[in-house]
């Protein structure tokens, strides 16, 4: 059974950092596109970043480039390092997975973890 579990969310002050982790079970991520998405209140879910399997190729949304970094730590853990956080980064962050070498639209989702950036 495929399952994704996120952790690492919380409350942080503007300018601070958080590291989110996504643990996969039921599969290994080498042949998957692993992604992070977020959804703020009243807004649609949006792509934050993705990493393609063992190639490690990454892509970022313009709003987070050079602040956030996605990594495939091992066969089951994908992380999102978030630096220089801004209030507009406040959202529920979701991990996603798709068995593909190019398609980042997930067909598996985690339950989400809340990130709140506020002083």
C-alpha atoms as a PDB file:
ATOM      1  CA  UNK A   1       0.000   0.000   0.000  1.00  0.00           C
ATOM      2  CA  UNK A   2       1.453   3.342  -1.078  1.00  0.00           C
ATOM      3  CA  UNK A   3       1.622   5.915   1.666  1.00  0.00           C
ATOM      4  CA  UNK A   4       3.304   9.302   2.064  1.00  0.00           C
ATOM      5  CA  UNK A   5       3.761  10.875   5.482  1.00  0.00           C
ATOM      6  CA  UNK A   6       4.983  14.438   5.924  1.00  0.00           C
ATOM      7  CA  UNK A   7       6.571  15.931   9.023  1.00  0.00           C
ATOM      8  CA  UNK A   8       8.520  18.993  10.084  1.00  0.00           C
ATOM      9  CA  UNK A   9       5.935  21.733   9.822  1.00  0.00           C
ATOM     10  CA  UNK A  10       5.367  24.332  12.498  1.00  0.00           C
ATOM     11  CA  UNK A  11       5.468  27.993  13.439  1.00  0.00           C
ATOM     12  CA  UNK A  12       8.533  30.006  12.465  1.00  0.00           C
ATOM     13  CA  UNK A  13       9.404  33.690  12.407  1.00  0.00           C
ATOM     14  CA  UNK A  14      10.003  35.516   9.124  1.00  0.00           C
ATOM     15  CA  UNK A  15      13.552  34.885   7.958  1.00  0.00           C
ATOM     16  CA  UNK A  16      13.697  31.541   9.698  1.00  0.00           C
ATOM     17  CA  UNK A  17      14.130  28.025   8.340  1.00  0.00           C
ATOM     18  CA  UNK A  18      12.262  24.734   8.428  1.00  0.00           C
ATOM     19  CA  UNK A  19      12.967  21.319   6.985  1.00  0.00           C
ATOM     20  CA  UNK A  20      10.062  19.169   5.842  1.00  0.00           C
ATOM     21  CA  UNK A  21      10.401  15.440   5.336  1.00  0.00           C
ATOM     22  CA  UNK A  22       8.276  13.024   3.360  1.00  0.00           C
ATOM     23  CA  UNK A  23       8.593   9.327   4.095  1.00  0.00           C
ATOM     24  CA  UNK A  24       7.320   6.929   1.460  1.00  0.00           C
ATOM     25  CA  UNK A  25       6.128   3.425   2.213  1.00  0.00           C
ATOM     26  CA  UNK A  26       4.996   0.739  -0.182  1.00  0.00           C
ATOM     27  CA  UNK A  27       7.457   1.849  -2.856  1.00  0.00           C
ATOM     28  CA  UNK A  28      10.934   3.296  -3.378  1.00  0.00           C
ATOM     29  CA  UNK A  29      11.298   6.699  -5.002  1.00  0.00           C
ATOM     30  CA  UNK A  30      14.000   5.947  -7.569  1.00  0.00           C
ATOM     31  CA  UNK A  31      11.492   5.679 -10.424  1.00  0.00           C
ATOM     32  CA  UNK A  32       9.176   8.408  -9.184  1.00  0.00           C
ATOM     33  CA  UNK A  33       8.890  12.140  -9.486  1.00  0.00           C
ATOM     34  CA  UNK A  34       8.659  13.359  -5.885  1.00  0.00           C
ATOM     35  CA  UNK A  35       7.181  16.778  -5.368  1.00  0.00           C
ATOM     36  CA  UNK A  36       6.128  19.307  -2.775  1.00  0.00           C
ATOM     37  CA  UNK A  37       3.024  21.409  -3.194  1.00  0.00           C
ATOM     38  CA  UNK A  38       1.315  23.937  -0.950  1.00  0.00           C
ATOM     39  CA  UNK A  39      -2.123  25.352  -0.437  1.00  0.00           C
ATOM     40  CA  UNK A  40      -2.792  28.601   1.368  1.00  0.00           C
ATOM     41  CA  UNK A  41      -6.261  29.485   2.687  1.00  0.00           C
ATOM     42  CA  UNK A  42      -8.550  30.527  -0.137  1.00  0.00           C
ATOM     43  CA  UNK A  43      -6.014  29.638  -2.812  1.00  0.00           C
ATOM     44  CA  UNK A  44      -5.468  26.718  -5.150  1.00  0.00           C
ATOM     45  CA  UNK A  45      -2.810  24.118  -4.480  1.00  0.00           C
ATOM     46  CA  UNK A  46       0.419  25.022  -6.232  1.00  0.00           C
ATOM     47  CA  UNK A  47       3.658  23.260  -7.096  1.00  0.00           C
ATOM     48  CA  UNK A  48       6.630  24.256  -4.949  1.00  0.00           C
ATOM     49  CA  UNK A  49       9.356  21.942  -6.247  1.00  0.00           C
ATOM     50  CA  UNK A  50       9.996  18.484  -7.637  1.00  0.00           C
ATOM     51  CA  UNK A  51      12.873  16.065  -8.008  1.00  0.00           C
ATOM     52  CA  UNK A  52      13.077  13.352 -10.657  1.00  0.00           C
ATOM     53  CA  UNK A  53      14.058   9.929  -9.355  1.00  0.00           C
ATOM     54  CA  UNK A  54      17.650   8.842  -9.333  1.00  0.00           C
ATOM     55  CA  UNK A  55      18.658  11.572 -11.804  1.00  0.00           C
ATOM     56  CA  UNK A  56      18.122  14.163  -9.094  1.00  0.00           C
ATOM     57  CA  UNK A  57      16.983  16.791 -11.563  1.00  0.00           C
ATOM     58  CA  UNK A  58      14.981  19.510  -9.835  1.00  0.00           C
ATOM     59  CA  UNK A  59      12.615  22.306 -10.675  1.00  0.00           C
ATOM     60  CA  UNK A  60      11.306  25.130  -8.464  1.00  0.00           C
ATOM     61  CA  UNK A  61       8.483  27.629  -8.508  1.00  0.00           C
ATOM     62  CA  UNK A  62       9.753  31.158  -9.106  1.00  0.00           C
ATOM     63  CA  UNK A  63       8.461  32.240  -5.710  1.00  0.00           C
ATOM     64  CA  UNK A  64      10.755  29.850  -3.825  1.00  0.00           C
ATOM     65  CA  UNK A  65      13.802  29.526  -6.091  1.00  0.00           C
ATOM     66  CA  UNK A  66      17.079  30.133  -4.235  1.00  0.00           C
ATOM     67  CA  UNK A  67      15.276  29.861  -0.866  1.00  0.00           C
ATOM     68  CA  UNK A  68      13.889  26.319  -0.919  1.00  0.00           C
ATOM     69  CA  UNK A  69      15.788  23.165  -1.791  1.00  0.00           C
ATOM     70  CA  UNK A  70      14.314  19.745  -2.514  1.00  0.00           C
ATOM     71  CA  UNK A  71      16.375  16.620  -2.052  1.00  0.00           C
ATOM     72  CA  UNK A  72      15.911  12.888  -2.410  1.00  0.00           C
ATOM     73  CA  UNK A  73      17.749  11.850   0.722  1.00  0.00           C
ATOM     74  CA  UNK A  74      17.463   8.117   0.141  1.00  0.00           C
ATOM     75  CA  UNK A  75      15.110   5.566  -1.408  1.00  0.00           C
ATOM     76  CA  UNK A  76      12.222   6.533   0.834  1.00  0.00           C
ATOM     77  CA  UNK A  77      12.790  10.059   2.164  1.00  0.00           C
ATOM     78  CA  UNK A  78      12.358  13.308   0.250  1.00  0.00           C
ATOM     79  CA  UNK A  79      13.018  16.590   2.027  1.00  0.00           C
ATOM     80  CA  UNK A  80      12.302  20.269   1.484  1.00  0.00           C
ATOM     81  CA  UNK A  81      14.713  22.699   3.114  1.00  0.00           C
ATOM     82  CA  UNK A  82      13.024  26.077   3.442  1.00  0.00           C
ATOM     83  CA  UNK A  83      15.172  29.126   4.190  1.00  0.00           C
ATOM     84  CA  UNK A  84      14.454  32.842   4.447  1.00  0.00           C
ATOM     85  CA  UNK A  85      10.806  32.105   5.074  1.00  0.00           C
ATOM     86  CA  UNK A  86       8.232  34.796   4.404  1.00  0.00           C
ATOM     87  CA  UNK A  87       4.671  35.225   5.704  1.00  0.00           C
ATOM     88  CA  UNK A  88       3.408  34.424   2.205  1.00  0.00           C
ATOM     89  CA  UNK A  89       4.956  30.950   2.526  1.00  0.00           C
ATOM     90  CA  UNK A  90       2.277  30.121   5.106  1.00  0.00           C
ATOM     91  CA  UNK A  91       0.320  27.138   3.820  1.00  0.00           C
ATOM     92  CA  UNK A  92      -0.338  23.452   4.209  1.00  0.00           C
ATOM     93  CA  UNK A  93       2.513  21.644   2.464  1.00  0.00           C
ATOM     94  CA  UNK A  94       1.834  18.354   0.713  1.00  0.00           C
ATOM     95  CA  UNK A  95       4.192  15.686  -0.542  1.00  0.00           C
ATOM     96  CA  UNK A  96       3.278  14.049  -3.835  1.00  0.00           C
ATOM     97  CA  UNK A  97       4.528  11.128  -5.904  1.00  0.00           C
ATOM     98  CA  UNK A  98       4.057   9.883  -9.454  1.00  0.00           C
ATOM     99  CA  UNK A  99       5.628   6.841 -11.072  1.00  0.00           C
ATOM    100  CA  UNK A 100       7.198   8.688 -13.995  1.00  0.00           C
ATOM    101  CA  UNK A 101      10.457  10.121 -15.295  1.00  0.00           C
ATOM    102  CA  UNK A 102       8.926  13.481 -16.250  1.00  0.00           C
ATOM    103  CA  UNK A 103       5.317  13.947 -15.056  1.00  0.00           C
ATOM    104  CA  UNK A 104       5.258  15.791 -11.732  1.00  0.00           C
ATOM    105  CA  UNK A 105       1.481  15.746 -11.227  1.00  0.00           C
ATOM    106  CA  UNK A 106       1.041  13.350  -8.317  1.00  0.00           C
ATOM    107  CA  UNK A 107      -1.260  10.409  -8.175  1.00  0.00           C
ATOM    108  CA  UNK A 108      -0.319   9.830  -4.554  1.00  0.00           C
ATOM    109  CA  UNK A 109      -0.555  12.495  -1.857  1.00  0.00           C
ATOM    110  CA  UNK A 110       0.383  12.825   1.776  1.00  0.00           C
ATOM    111  CA  UNK A 111      -1.930  14.266   4.381  1.00  0.00           C
ATOM    112  CA  UNK A 112      -0.132  17.603   4.582  1.00  0.00           C
ATOM    113  CA  UNK A 113       1.788  19.529   7.229  1.00  0.00           C
ATOM    114  CA  UNK A 114       1.063  23.100   8.312  1.00  0.00           C
ATOM    115  CA  UNK A 115       3.741  25.754   7.948  1.00  0.00           C
ATOM    116  CA  UNK A 116       3.020  29.133   9.530  1.00  0.00           C
ATOM    117  CA  UNK A 117       5.408  32.053   9.120  1.00  0.00           C
ATOM    118  CA  UNK A 118       4.568  34.810  11.559  1.00  0.00           C
ATOM    119  CA  UNK A 119       6.154  37.086  14.119  1.00  0.00           C
END
